[in-house]
Amino acid sequence: MIFIVARFRVKPEHADDWISISRSFTEATRAEPGNHWFDWSRSVDDPQEYVLLEAFADDDAAGAHVNGAHFKQAQAELPPYLVETPRIVNTNVDGWSELGELAVE
């Protein structure tokens, strides 16, 4: 599974509207056959920062994502709302593990 974390710093005047601004991109990505999840969270420390957690089944699914029409549209439409280029971590993982330090019994 391809696991991606990306941090988006949104311009202050657009921060409250980011979820609606990115909605069509989010919905189209979630509809991709190889997408496991595509979830936004807003930072509790910085109201201009959104964190995106996304996962794809494999390299083929991730490749289809970045080559899709909605991705190209997002590349054209979303940068003007951002303060800076998003930061990203992209890695392959086997899937979920349990957080043993907080085990529920």
PDB file of N, CA and C in Angstrom:
ATOM      1  N   MET A   1       0.851  -1.176   0.000  1.00  0.00           N
ATOM      2  CA  MET A   1       0.000   0.000   0.000  1.00  0.00           C
ATOM      3  C   MET A   1       0.897   1.239   0.000  1.00  0.00           C
ATOM      4  N   ILE A   2       0.506   2.224  -0.792  1.00  0.00           N
ATOM      5  CA  ILE A   2       1.204   3.507  -0.819  1.00  0.00           C
ATOM      6  C   ILE A   2       0.522   4.416   0.202  1.00  0.00           C
ATOM      7  N   PHE A   3       1.286   4.893   1.164  1.00  0.00           N
ATOM      8  CA  PHE A   3       0.759   5.763   2.212  1.00  0.00           C
ATOM      9  C   PHE A   3       1.398   7.132   2.067  1.00  0.00           C
ATOM     10  N   ILE A   4       0.557   8.168   2.052  1.00  0.00           N
ATOM     11  CA  ILE A   4       1.030   9.530   1.833  1.00  0.00           C
ATOM     12  C   ILE A   4       0.476  10.449   2.911  1.00  0.00           C
ATOM     13  N   VAL A   5       1.343  11.298   3.442  1.00  0.00           N
ATOM     14  CA  VAL A   5       0.936  12.382   4.336  1.00  0.00           C
ATOM     15  C   VAL A   5       1.426  13.667   3.688  1.00  0.00           C
ATOM     16  N   ALA A   6       0.520  14.620   3.533  1.00  0.00           N
ATOM     17  CA  ALA A   6       0.900  15.909   2.944  1.00  0.00           C
ATOM     18  C   ALA A   6       0.374  17.035   3.819  1.00  0.00           C
ATOM     19  N   ARG A   7       1.175  18.063   3.987  1.00  0.00           N
ATOM     20  CA  ARG A   7       0.792  19.247   4.763  1.00  0.00           C
ATOM     21  C   ARG A   7       0.592  20.411   3.808  1.00  0.00           C
ATOM     22  N   PHE A   8      -0.589  21.008   3.878  1.00  0.00           N
ATOM     23  CA  PHE A   8      -0.962  22.131   3.026  1.00  0.00           C
ATOM     24  C   PHE A   8      -1.134  23.374   3.884  1.00  0.00           C
ATOM     25  N   ARG A   9      -0.373  24.431   3.600  1.00  0.00           N
ATOM     26  CA  ARG A   9      -0.561  25.722   4.273  1.00  0.00           C
ATOM     27  C   ARG A   9      -1.396  26.602   3.355  1.00  0.00           C
ATOM     28  N   VAL A  10      -2.595  26.901   3.807  1.00  0.00           N
ATOM     29  CA  VAL A  10      -3.568  27.640   3.017  1.00  0.00           C
ATOM     30  C   VAL A  10      -3.512  29.120   3.392  1.00  0.00           C
ATOM     31  N   LYS A  11      -3.680  29.992   2.403  1.00  0.00           N
ATOM     32  CA  LYS A  11      -3.702  31.424   2.685  1.00  0.00           C
ATOM     33  C   LYS A  11      -4.798  31.729   3.699  1.00  0.00           C
ATOM     34  N   PRO A  12      -4.538  32.650   4.629  1.00  0.00           N
ATOM     35  CA  PRO A  12      -5.492  32.907   5.721  1.00  0.00           C
ATOM     36  C   PRO A  12      -6.910  33.199   5.247  1.00  0.00           C
ATOM     37  N   GLU A  13      -7.037  33.926   4.159  1.00  0.00           N
ATOM     38  CA  GLU A  13      -8.367  34.296   3.689  1.00  0.00           C
ATOM     39  C   GLU A  13      -9.143  33.119   3.089  1.00  0.00           C
ATOM     40  N   HIS A  14      -8.471  31.985   2.865  1.00  0.00           N
ATOM     41  CA  HIS A  14      -9.122  30.801   2.302  1.00  0.00           C
ATOM     42  C   HIS A  14      -9.145  29.619   3.265  1.00  0.00           C
ATOM     43  N   ALA A  15      -8.521  29.763   4.415  1.00  0.00           N
ATOM     44  CA  ALA A  15      -8.370  28.626   5.326  1.00  0.00           C
ATOM     45  C   ALA A  15      -9.706  28.031   5.765  1.00  0.00           C
ATOM     46  N   ASP A  16     -10.677  28.858   6.077  1.00  0.00           N
ATOM     47  CA  ASP A  16     -11.961  28.334   6.528  1.00  0.00           C
ATOM     48  C   ASP A  16     -12.742  27.650   5.411  1.00  0.00           C
ATOM     49  N   ASP A  17     -12.395  27.926   4.175  1.00  0.00           N
ATOM     50  CA  ASP A  17     -13.116  27.367   3.032  1.00  0.00           C
ATOM     51  C   ASP A  17     -12.376  26.238   2.322  1.00  0.00           C
ATOM     52  N   TRP A  18     -11.210  25.833   2.840  1.00  0.00           N
ATOM     53  CA  TRP A  18     -10.378  24.865   2.126  1.00  0.00           C
ATOM     54  C   TRP A  18     -11.113  23.565   1.809  1.00  0.00           C
ATOM     55  N   ILE A  19     -11.891  23.050   2.725  1.00  0.00           N
ATOM     56  CA  ILE A  19     -12.576  21.779   2.482  1.00  0.00           C
ATOM     57  C   ILE A  19     -13.525  21.908   1.296  1.00  0.00           C
ATOM     58  N   SER A  20     -14.241  23.005   1.201  1.00  0.00           N
ATOM     59  CA  SER A  20     -15.128  23.181   0.046  1.00  0.00           C
ATOM     60  C   SER A  20     -14.329  23.489  -1.227  1.00  0.00           C
ATOM     61  N   ILE A  21     -13.234  24.210  -1.106  1.00  0.00           N
ATOM     62  CA  ILE A  21     -12.381  24.515  -2.263  1.00  0.00           C
ATOM     63  C   ILE A  21     -11.822  23.224  -2.870  1.00  0.00           C
ATOM     64  N   SER A  22     -11.430  22.298  -2.036  1.00  0.00           N
ATOM     65  CA  SER A  22     -10.808  21.052  -2.502  1.00  0.00           C
ATOM     66  C   SER A  22     -11.811  19.901  -2.650  1.00  0.00           C
ATOM     67  N   ARG A  23     -13.099  20.176  -2.455  1.00  0.00           N
ATOM     68  CA  ARG A  23     -14.116  19.114  -2.440  1.00  0.00           C
ATOM     69  C   ARG A  23     -14.166  18.272  -3.720  1.00  0.00           C
ATOM     70  N   SER A  24     -14.163  18.891  -4.888  1.00  0.00           N
ATOM     71  CA  SER A  24     -14.282  18.091  -6.117  1.00  0.00           C
ATOM     72  C   SER A  24     -13.063  17.177  -6.287  1.00  0.00           C
ATOM     73  N   PHE A  25     -11.884  17.673  -5.956  1.00  0.00           N
ATOM     74  CA  PHE A  25     -10.676  16.846  -6.012  1.00  0.00           C
ATOM     75  C   PHE A  25     -10.775  15.692  -5.020  1.00  0.00           C
ATOM     76  N   THR A  26     -11.234  15.990  -3.817  1.00  0.00           N
ATOM     77  CA  THR A  26     -11.372  14.969  -2.777  1.00  0.00           C
ATOM     78  C   THR A  26     -12.364  13.893  -3.214  1.00  0.00           C
ATOM     79  N   GLU A  27     -13.528  14.296  -3.675  1.00  0.00           N
ATOM     80  CA  GLU A  27     -14.558  13.329  -4.061  1.00  0.00           C
ATOM     81  C   GLU A  27     -14.117  12.476  -5.244  1.00  0.00           C
ATOM     82  N   ALA A  28     -13.471  13.091  -6.225  1.00  0.00           N
ATOM     83  CA  ALA A  28     -12.997  12.329  -7.378  1.00  0.00           C
ATOM     84  C   ALA A  28     -11.918  11.331  -6.971  1.00  0.00           C
ATOM     85  N   THR A  29     -11.025  11.726  -6.071  1.00  0.00           N
ATOM     86  CA  THR A  29      -9.970  10.816  -5.621  1.00  0.00           C
ATOM     87  C   THR A  29     -10.565   9.667  -4.823  1.00  0.00           C
ATOM     88  N   ARG A  30     -11.496   9.953  -3.944  1.00  0.00           N
ATOM     89  CA  ARG A  30     -12.130   8.886  -3.159  1.00  0.00           C
ATOM     90  C   ARG A  30     -12.858   7.880  -4.031  1.00  0.00           C
ATOM     91  N   ALA A  31     -13.300   8.300  -5.211  1.00  0.00           N
ATOM     92  CA  ALA A  31     -14.015   7.410  -6.133  1.00  0.00           C
ATOM     93  C   ALA A  31     -13.078   6.533  -6.969  1.00  0.00           C
ATOM     94  N   GLU A  32     -11.782   6.796  -6.930  1.00  0.00           N
ATOM     95  CA  GLU A  32     -10.837   5.980  -7.696  1.00  0.00           C
ATOM     96  C   GLU A  32     -10.838   4.553  -7.170  1.00  0.00           C
ATOM     97  N   PRO A  33     -10.794   3.561  -8.076  1.00  0.00           N
ATOM     98  CA  PRO A  33     -10.842   2.164  -7.619  1.00  0.00           C
ATOM     99  C   PRO A  33      -9.687   1.762  -6.699  1.00  0.00           C
ATOM    100  N   GLY A  34      -8.509   2.342  -6.860  1.00  0.00           N
ATOM    101  CA  GLY A  34      -7.358   1.968  -6.037  1.00  0.00           C
ATOM    102  C   GLY A  34      -7.150   2.813  -4.803  1.00  0.00           C
ATOM    103  N   ASN A  35      -8.071   3.736  -4.524  1.00  0.00           N
ATOM    104  CA  ASN A  35      -7.922   4.604  -3.344  1.00  0.00           C
ATOM    105  C   ASN A  35      -8.503   3.924  -2.111  1.00  0.00           C
ATOM    106  N   HIS A  36      -7.723   3.878  -1.040  1.00  0.00           N
ATOM    107  CA  HIS A  36      -8.206   3.339   0.241  1.00  0.00           C
ATOM    108  C   HIS A  36      -8.805   4.437   1.103  1.00  0.00           C
ATOM    109  N   TRP A  37      -8.135   5.592   1.148  1.00  0.00           N
ATOM    110  CA  TRP A  37      -8.681   6.742   1.861  1.00  0.00           C
ATOM    111  C   TRP A  37      -8.000   8.012   1.397  1.00  0.00           C
ATOM    112  N   PHE A  38      -8.691   9.128   1.634  1.00  0.00           N
ATOM    113  CA  PHE A  38      -8.217  10.456   1.252  1.00  0.00           C
ATOM    114  C   PHE A  38      -8.892  11.403   2.236  1.00  0.00           C
ATOM    115  N   ASP A  39      -8.231  11.641   3.374  1.00  0.00           N
ATOM    116  CA  ASP A  39      -8.859  12.314   4.512  1.00  0.00           C
ATOM    117  C   ASP A  39      -8.093  13.562   4.934  1.00  0.00           C
ATOM    118  N   TRP A  40      -8.838  14.665   5.016  1.00  0.00           N
ATOM    119  CA  TRP A  40      -8.286  15.942   5.466  1.00  0.00           C
ATOM    120  C   TRP A  40      -8.513  16.133   6.953  1.00  0.00           C
ATOM    121  N   SER A  41      -7.534  16.732   7.617  1.00  0.00           N
ATOM    122  CA  SER A  41      -7.669  17.187   9.003  1.00  0.00           C
ATOM    123  C   SER A  41      -7.060  18.578   9.088  1.00  0.00           C
ATOM    124  N   ARG A  42      -7.639  19.384   9.963  1.00  0.00           N
ATOM    125  CA  ARG A  42      -7.100  20.730  10.160  1.00  0.00           C
ATOM    126  C   ARG A  42      -6.254  20.725  11.425  1.00  0.00           C
ATOM    127  N   SER A  43      -5.108  21.343  11.352  1.00  0.00           N
ATOM    128  CA  SER A  43      -4.207  21.404  12.495  1.00  0.00           C
ATOM    129  C   SER A  43      -4.866  22.136  13.666  1.00  0.00           C
ATOM    130  N   VAL A  44      -4.675  21.620  14.870  1.00  0.00           N
ATOM    131  CA  VAL A  44      -5.185  22.306  16.057  1.00  0.00           C
ATOM    132  C   VAL A  44      -4.250  23.431  16.481  1.00  0.00           C
ATOM    133  N   ASP A  45      -3.018  23.429  15.962  1.00  0.00           N
ATOM    134  CA  ASP A  45      -2.043  24.458  16.315  1.00  0.00           C
ATOM    135  C   ASP A  45      -1.957  25.591  15.296  1.00  0.00           C
ATOM    136  N   ASP A  46      -2.284  25.294  14.051  1.00  0.00           N
ATOM    137  CA  ASP A  46      -2.164  26.292  12.982  1.00  0.00           C
ATOM    138  C   ASP A  46      -3.414  26.214  12.109  1.00  0.00           C
ATOM    139  N   PRO A  47      -4.343  27.135  12.255  1.00  0.00           N
ATOM    140  CA  PRO A  47      -5.592  27.054  11.493  1.00  0.00           C
ATOM    141  C   PRO A  47      -5.424  27.199   9.981  1.00  0.00           C
ATOM    142  N   GLN A  48      -4.241  27.562   9.531  1.00  0.00           N
ATOM    143  CA  GLN A  48      -3.967  27.638   8.096  1.00  0.00           C
ATOM    144  C   GLN A  48      -3.453  26.323   7.533  1.00  0.00           C
ATOM    145  N   GLU A  49      -3.157  25.366   8.396  1.00  0.00           N
ATOM    146  CA  GLU A  49      -2.554  24.119   7.931  1.00  0.00           C
ATOM    147  C   GLU A  49      -3.566  22.977   7.941  1.00  0.00           C
ATOM    148  N   TYR A  50      -3.615  22.278   6.802  1.00  0.00           N
ATOM    149  CA  TYR A  50      -4.406  21.064   6.673  1.00  0.00           C
ATOM    150  C   TYR A  50      -3.462  19.908   6.414  1.00  0.00           C
ATOM    151  N   VAL A  51      -3.771  18.757   6.999  1.00  0.00           N
ATOM    152  CA  VAL A  51      -2.983  17.555   6.801  1.00  0.00           C
ATOM    153  C   VAL A  51      -3.849  16.568   6.028  1.00  0.00           C
ATOM    154  N   LEU A  52      -3.295  16.041   4.965  1.00  0.00           N
ATOM    155  CA  LEU A  52      -3.988  15.082   4.120  1.00  0.00           C
ATOM    156  C   LEU A  52      -3.357  13.717   4.311  1.00  0.00           C
ATOM    157  N   LEU A  53      -4.167  12.737   4.685  1.00  0.00           N
ATOM    158  CA  LEU A  53      -3.735  11.342   4.766  1.00  0.00           C
ATOM    159  C   LEU A  53      -4.391  10.605   3.613  1.00  0.00           C
ATOM    160  N   GLU A  54      -3.581   9.969   2.811  1.00  0.00           N
ATOM    161  CA  GLU A  54      -4.129   9.243   1.676  1.00  0.00           C
ATOM    162  C   GLU A  54      -3.409   7.920   1.496  1.00  0.00           C
ATOM    163  N   ALA A  55      -4.119   6.949   0.936  1.00  0.00           N
ATOM    164  CA  ALA A  55      -3.527   5.636   0.703  1.00  0.00           C
ATOM    165  C   ALA A  55      -4.093   5.054  -0.587  1.00  0.00           C
ATOM    166  N   PHE A  56      -3.209   4.382  -1.312  1.00  0.00           N
ATOM    167  CA  PHE A  56      -3.567   3.737  -2.566  1.00  0.00           C
ATOM    168  C   PHE A  56      -3.128   2.277  -2.517  1.00  0.00           C
ATOM    169  N   ALA A  57      -3.829   1.448  -3.235  1.00  0.00           N
ATOM    170  CA  ALA A  57      -3.578   0.006  -3.184  1.00  0.00           C
ATOM    171  C   ALA A  57      -2.145  -0.358  -3.550  1.00  0.00           C
ATOM    172  N   ASP A  58      -1.609   0.312  -4.571  1.00  0.00           N
ATOM    173  CA  ASP A  58      -0.279  -0.047  -5.065  1.00  0.00           C
ATOM    174  C   ASP A  58       0.244   1.062  -5.970  1.00  0.00           C
ATOM    175  N   ASP A  59       1.420   0.819  -6.566  1.00  0.00           N
ATOM    176  CA  ASP A  59       2.024   1.821  -7.448  1.00  0.00           C
ATOM    177  C   ASP A  59       1.134   2.147  -8.644  1.00  0.00           C
ATOM    178  N   ASP A  60       0.449   1.140  -9.171  1.00  0.00           N
ATOM    179  CA  ASP A  60      -0.430   1.386 -10.316  1.00  0.00           C
ATOM    180  C   ASP A  60      -1.566   2.329  -9.948  1.00  0.00           C
ATOM    181  N   ALA A  61      -2.159   2.115  -8.784  1.00  0.00           N
ATOM    182  CA  ALA A  61      -3.257   2.977  -8.330  1.00  0.00           C
ATOM    183  C   ALA A  61      -2.760   4.397  -8.066  1.00  0.00           C
ATOM    184  N   ALA A  62      -1.585   4.522  -7.467  1.00  0.00           N
ATOM    185  CA  ALA A  62      -1.022   5.851  -7.217  1.00  0.00           C
ATOM    186  C   ALA A  62      -0.687   6.543  -8.539  1.00  0.00           C
ATOM    187  N   GLY A  63      -0.182   5.795  -9.495  1.00  0.00           N
ATOM    188  CA  GLY A  63       0.119   6.359 -10.808  1.00  0.00           C
ATOM    189  C   GLY A  63      -1.137   6.813 -11.532  1.00  0.00           C
ATOM    190  N   ALA A  64      -2.199   6.009 -11.444  1.00  0.00           N
ATOM    191  CA  ALA A  64      -3.467   6.395 -12.055  1.00  0.00           C
ATOM    192  C   ALA A  64      -3.990   7.684 -11.413  1.00  0.00           C
ATOM    193  N   HIS A  65      -3.777   7.825 -10.113  1.00  0.00           N
ATOM    194  CA  HIS A  65      -4.219   9.027  -9.402  1.00  0.00           C
ATOM    195  C   HIS A  65      -3.529  10.274  -9.955  1.00  0.00           C
ATOM    196  N   VAL A  66      -2.205  10.256 -10.007  1.00  0.00           N
ATOM    197  CA  VAL A  66      -1.489  11.464 -10.438  1.00  0.00           C
ATOM    198  C   VAL A  66      -1.617  11.730 -11.930  1.00  0.00           C
ATOM    199  N   ASN A  67      -2.091  10.755 -12.683  1.00  0.00           N
ATOM    200  CA  ASN A  67      -2.290  10.947 -14.115  1.00  0.00           C
ATOM    201  C   ASN A  67      -3.746  11.182 -14.481  1.00  0.00           C
ATOM    202  N   GLY A  68      -4.616  11.227 -13.476  1.00  0.00           N
ATOM    203  CA  GLY A  68      -6.037  11.427 -13.724  1.00  0.00           C
ATOM    204  C   GLY A  68      -6.380  12.873 -14.031  1.00  0.00           C
ATOM    205  N   ALA A  69      -7.504  13.053 -14.707  1.00  0.00           N
ATOM    206  CA  ALA A  69      -7.946  14.402 -15.101  1.00  0.00           C
ATOM    207  C   ALA A  69      -8.202  15.288 -13.889  1.00  0.00           C
ATOM    208  N   HIS A  70      -8.780  14.719 -12.825  1.00  0.00           N
ATOM    209  CA  HIS A  70      -9.060  15.538 -11.640  1.00  0.00           C
ATOM    210  C   HIS A  70      -7.772  15.972 -10.940  1.00  0.00           C
ATOM    211  N   PHE A  71      -6.718  15.168 -11.029  1.00  0.00           N
ATOM    212  CA  PHE A  71      -5.435  15.559 -10.448  1.00  0.00           C
ATOM    213  C   PHE A  71      -4.849  16.727 -11.248  1.00  0.00           C
ATOM    214  N   LYS A  72      -4.916  16.625 -12.555  1.00  0.00           N
ATOM    215  CA  LYS A  72      -4.418  17.719 -13.408  1.00  0.00           C
ATOM    216  C   LYS A  72      -5.210  19.002 -13.141  1.00  0.00           C
ATOM    217  N   GLN A  73      -6.506  18.868 -12.944  1.00  0.00           N
ATOM    218  CA  GLN A  73      -7.336  20.034 -12.635  1.00  0.00           C
ATOM    219  C   GLN A  73      -6.927  20.638 -11.298  1.00  0.00           C
ATOM    220  N   ALA A  74      -6.681  19.800 -10.297  1.00  0.00           N
ATOM    221  CA  ALA A  74      -6.245  20.290  -8.984  1.00  0.00           C
ATOM    222  C   ALA A  74      -4.893  20.988  -9.087  1.00  0.00           C
ATOM    223  N   GLN A  75      -3.994  20.471  -9.915  1.00  0.00           N
ATOM    224  CA  GLN A  75      -2.692  21.120 -10.110  1.00  0.00           C
ATOM    225  C   GLN A  75      -2.853  22.536 -10.643  1.00  0.00           C
ATOM    226  N   ALA A  76      -3.862  22.747 -11.458  1.00  0.00           N
ATOM    227  CA  ALA A  76      -4.097  24.071 -12.030  1.00  0.00           C
ATOM    228  C   ALA A  76      -4.863  24.987 -11.082  1.00  0.00           C
ATOM    229  N   GLU A  77      -5.808  24.424 -10.318  1.00  0.00           N
ATOM    230  CA  GLU A  77      -6.725  25.248  -9.531  1.00  0.00           C
ATOM    231  C   GLU A  77      -6.304  25.508  -8.086  1.00  0.00           C
ATOM    232  N   LEU A  78      -5.641  24.566  -7.442  1.00  0.00           N
ATOM    233  CA  LEU A  78      -5.409  24.688  -5.995  1.00  0.00           C
ATOM    234  C   LEU A  78      -4.213  25.558  -5.591  1.00  0.00           C
ATOM    235  N   PRO A  79      -3.090  25.583  -6.312  1.00  0.00           N
ATOM    236  CA  PRO A  79      -1.941  26.373  -5.848  1.00  0.00           C
ATOM    237  C   PRO A  79      -2.220  27.838  -5.524  1.00  0.00           C
ATOM    238  N   PRO A  80      -3.088  28.547  -6.228  1.00  0.00           N
ATOM    239  CA  PRO A  80      -3.312  29.957  -5.853  1.00  0.00           C
ATOM    240  C   PRO A  80      -3.887  30.155  -4.445  1.00  0.00           C
ATOM    241  N   TYR A  81      -4.433  29.106  -3.854  1.00  0.00           N
ATOM    242  CA  TYR A  81      -4.984  29.186  -2.504  1.00  0.00           C
ATOM    243  C   TYR A  81      -3.938  28.896  -1.425  1.00  0.00           C
ATOM    244  N   LEU A  82      -2.746  28.474  -1.837  1.00  0.00           N
ATOM    245  CA  LEU A  82      -1.725  28.016  -0.897  1.00  0.00           C
ATOM    246  C   LEU A  82      -0.657  29.069  -0.636  1.00  0.00           C
ATOM    247  N   VAL A  83      -0.101  29.012   0.579  1.00  0.00           N
ATOM    248  CA  VAL A  83       1.008  29.884   0.967  1.00  0.00           C
ATOM    249  C   VAL A  83       2.318  29.377   0.380  1.00  0.00           C
ATOM    250  N   GLU A  84       2.458  28.054   0.319  1.00  0.00           N
ATOM    251  CA  GLU A  84       3.712  27.436  -0.117  1.00  0.00           C
ATOM    252  C   GLU A  84       3.410  26.077  -0.735  1.00  0.00           C
ATOM    253  N   THR A  85       4.402  25.504  -1.372  1.00  0.00           N
ATOM    254  CA  THR A  85       4.281  24.162  -1.926  1.00  0.00           C
ATOM    255  C   THR A  85       4.053  23.165  -0.782  1.00  0.00           C
ATOM    256  N   PRO A  86       3.049  22.298  -0.896  1.00  0.00           N
ATOM    257  CA  PRO A  86       2.814  21.324   0.175  1.00  0.00           C
ATOM    258  C   PRO A  86       4.035  20.427   0.407  1.00  0.00           C
ATOM    259  N   ARG A  87       4.191  20.034   1.661  1.00  0.00           N
ATOM    260  CA  ARG A  87       5.256  19.093   2.044  1.00  0.00           C
ATOM    261  C   ARG A  87       4.639  17.701   2.097  1.00  0.00           C
ATOM    262  N   ILE A  88       5.415  16.676   1.728  1.00  0.00           N
ATOM    263  CA  ILE A  88       4.853  15.344   1.585  1.00  0.00           C
ATOM    264  C   ILE A  88       5.817  14.269   2.080  1.00  0.00           C
ATOM    265  N   VAL A  89       5.229  13.207   2.623  1.00  0.00           N
ATOM    266  CA  VAL A  89       5.932  11.958   2.909  1.00  0.00           C
ATOM    267  C   VAL A  89       5.174  10.894   2.137  1.00  0.00           C
ATOM    268  N   ASN A  90       5.911  10.095   1.372  1.00  0.00           N
ATOM    269  CA  ASN A  90       5.306   9.081   0.525  1.00  0.00           C
ATOM    270  C   ASN A  90       6.096   7.799   0.727  1.00  0.00           C
ATOM    271  N   THR A  91       5.414   6.727   1.163  1.00  0.00           N
ATOM    272  CA  THR A  91       6.134   5.494   1.436  1.00  0.00           C
ATOM    273  C   THR A  91       5.243   4.284   1.176  1.00  0.00           C
ATOM    274  N   ASN A  92       5.868   3.139   1.063  1.00  0.00           N
ATOM    275  CA  ASN A  92       5.142   1.875   0.958  1.00  0.00           C
ATOM    276  C   ASN A  92       5.038   1.259   2.349  1.00  0.00           C
ATOM    277  N   VAL A  93       3.857   0.784   2.688  1.00  0.00           N
ATOM    278  CA  VAL A  93       3.644   0.122   3.976  1.00  0.00           C
ATOM    279  C   VAL A  93       2.839  -1.156   3.745  1.00  0.00           C
ATOM    280  N   ASP A  94       2.916  -2.054   4.727  1.00  0.00           N
ATOM    281  CA  ASP A  94       2.173  -3.311   4.636  1.00  0.00           C
ATOM    282  C   ASP A  94       0.713  -3.149   5.037  1.00  0.00           C
ATOM    283  N   GLY A  95       0.399  -2.095   5.750  1.00  0.00           N
ATOM    284  CA  GLY A  95      -0.973  -1.887   6.222  1.00  0.00           C
ATOM    285  C   GLY A  95      -0.962  -1.495   7.686  1.00  0.00           C
ATOM    286  N   TRP A  96      -2.122  -1.593   8.299  1.00  0.00           N
ATOM    287  CA  TRP A  96      -2.280  -1.173   9.691  1.00  0.00           C
ATOM    288  C   TRP A  96      -1.627  -2.149  10.660  1.00  0.00           C
ATOM    289  N   SER A  97      -1.113  -1.616  11.761  1.00  0.00           N
ATOM    290  CA  SER A  97      -0.645  -2.393  12.902  1.00  0.00           C
ATOM    291  C   SER A  97      -1.372  -1.853  14.127  1.00  0.00           C
ATOM    292  N   GLU A  98      -1.388  -2.620  15.189  1.00  0.00           N
ATOM    293  CA  GLU A  98      -2.003  -2.139  16.422  1.00  0.00           C
ATOM    294  C   GLU A  98      -1.000  -1.292  17.206  1.00  0.00           C
ATOM    295  N   LEU A  99      -1.509  -0.266  17.886  1.00  0.00           N
ATOM    296  CA  LEU A  99      -0.703   0.567  18.756  1.00  0.00           C
ATOM    297  C   LEU A  99      -0.720  -0.092  20.133  1.00  0.00           C
ATOM    298  N   GLY A 100       0.213  -1.015  20.329  1.00  0.00           N
ATOM    299  CA  GLY A 100       0.238  -1.831  21.536  1.00  0.00           C
ATOM    300  C   GLY A 100       0.357  -1.041  22.823  1.00  0.00           C
ATOM    301  N   GLU A 101       0.994   0.126  22.771  1.00  0.00           N
ATOM    302  CA  GLU A 101       1.161   0.936  23.982  1.00  0.00           C
ATOM    303  C   GLU A 101      -0.167   1.471  24.497  1.00  0.00           C
ATOM    304  N   LEU A 102      -1.196   1.474  23.675  1.00  0.00           N
ATOM    305  CA  LEU A 102      -2.522   1.942  24.100  1.00  0.00           C
ATOM    306  C   LEU A 102      -3.562   0.843  23.895  1.00  0.00           C
ATOM    307  N   ALA A 103      -3.161  -0.376  24.168  1.00  0.00           N
ATOM    308  CA  ALA A 103      -4.043  -1.520  23.939  1.00  0.00           C
ATOM    309  C   ALA A 103      -5.317  -1.402  24.772  1.00  0.00           C
ATOM    310  N   VAL A 104      -6.412  -1.740  24.143  1.00  0.00           N
ATOM    311  CA  VAL A 104      -7.709  -1.771  24.815  1.00  0.00           C
ATOM    312  C   VAL A 104      -8.011  -3.220  25.120  1.00  0.00           C
ATOM    313  N   GLU A 105      -8.282  -3.478  26.403  1.00  0.00           N
ATOM    314  CA  GLU A 105      -8.513  -4.874  26.822  1.00  0.00           C
ATOM    315  C   GLU A 105      -9.925  -5.069  27.302  1.00  0.00           C
TER     316      GLU A 105
END
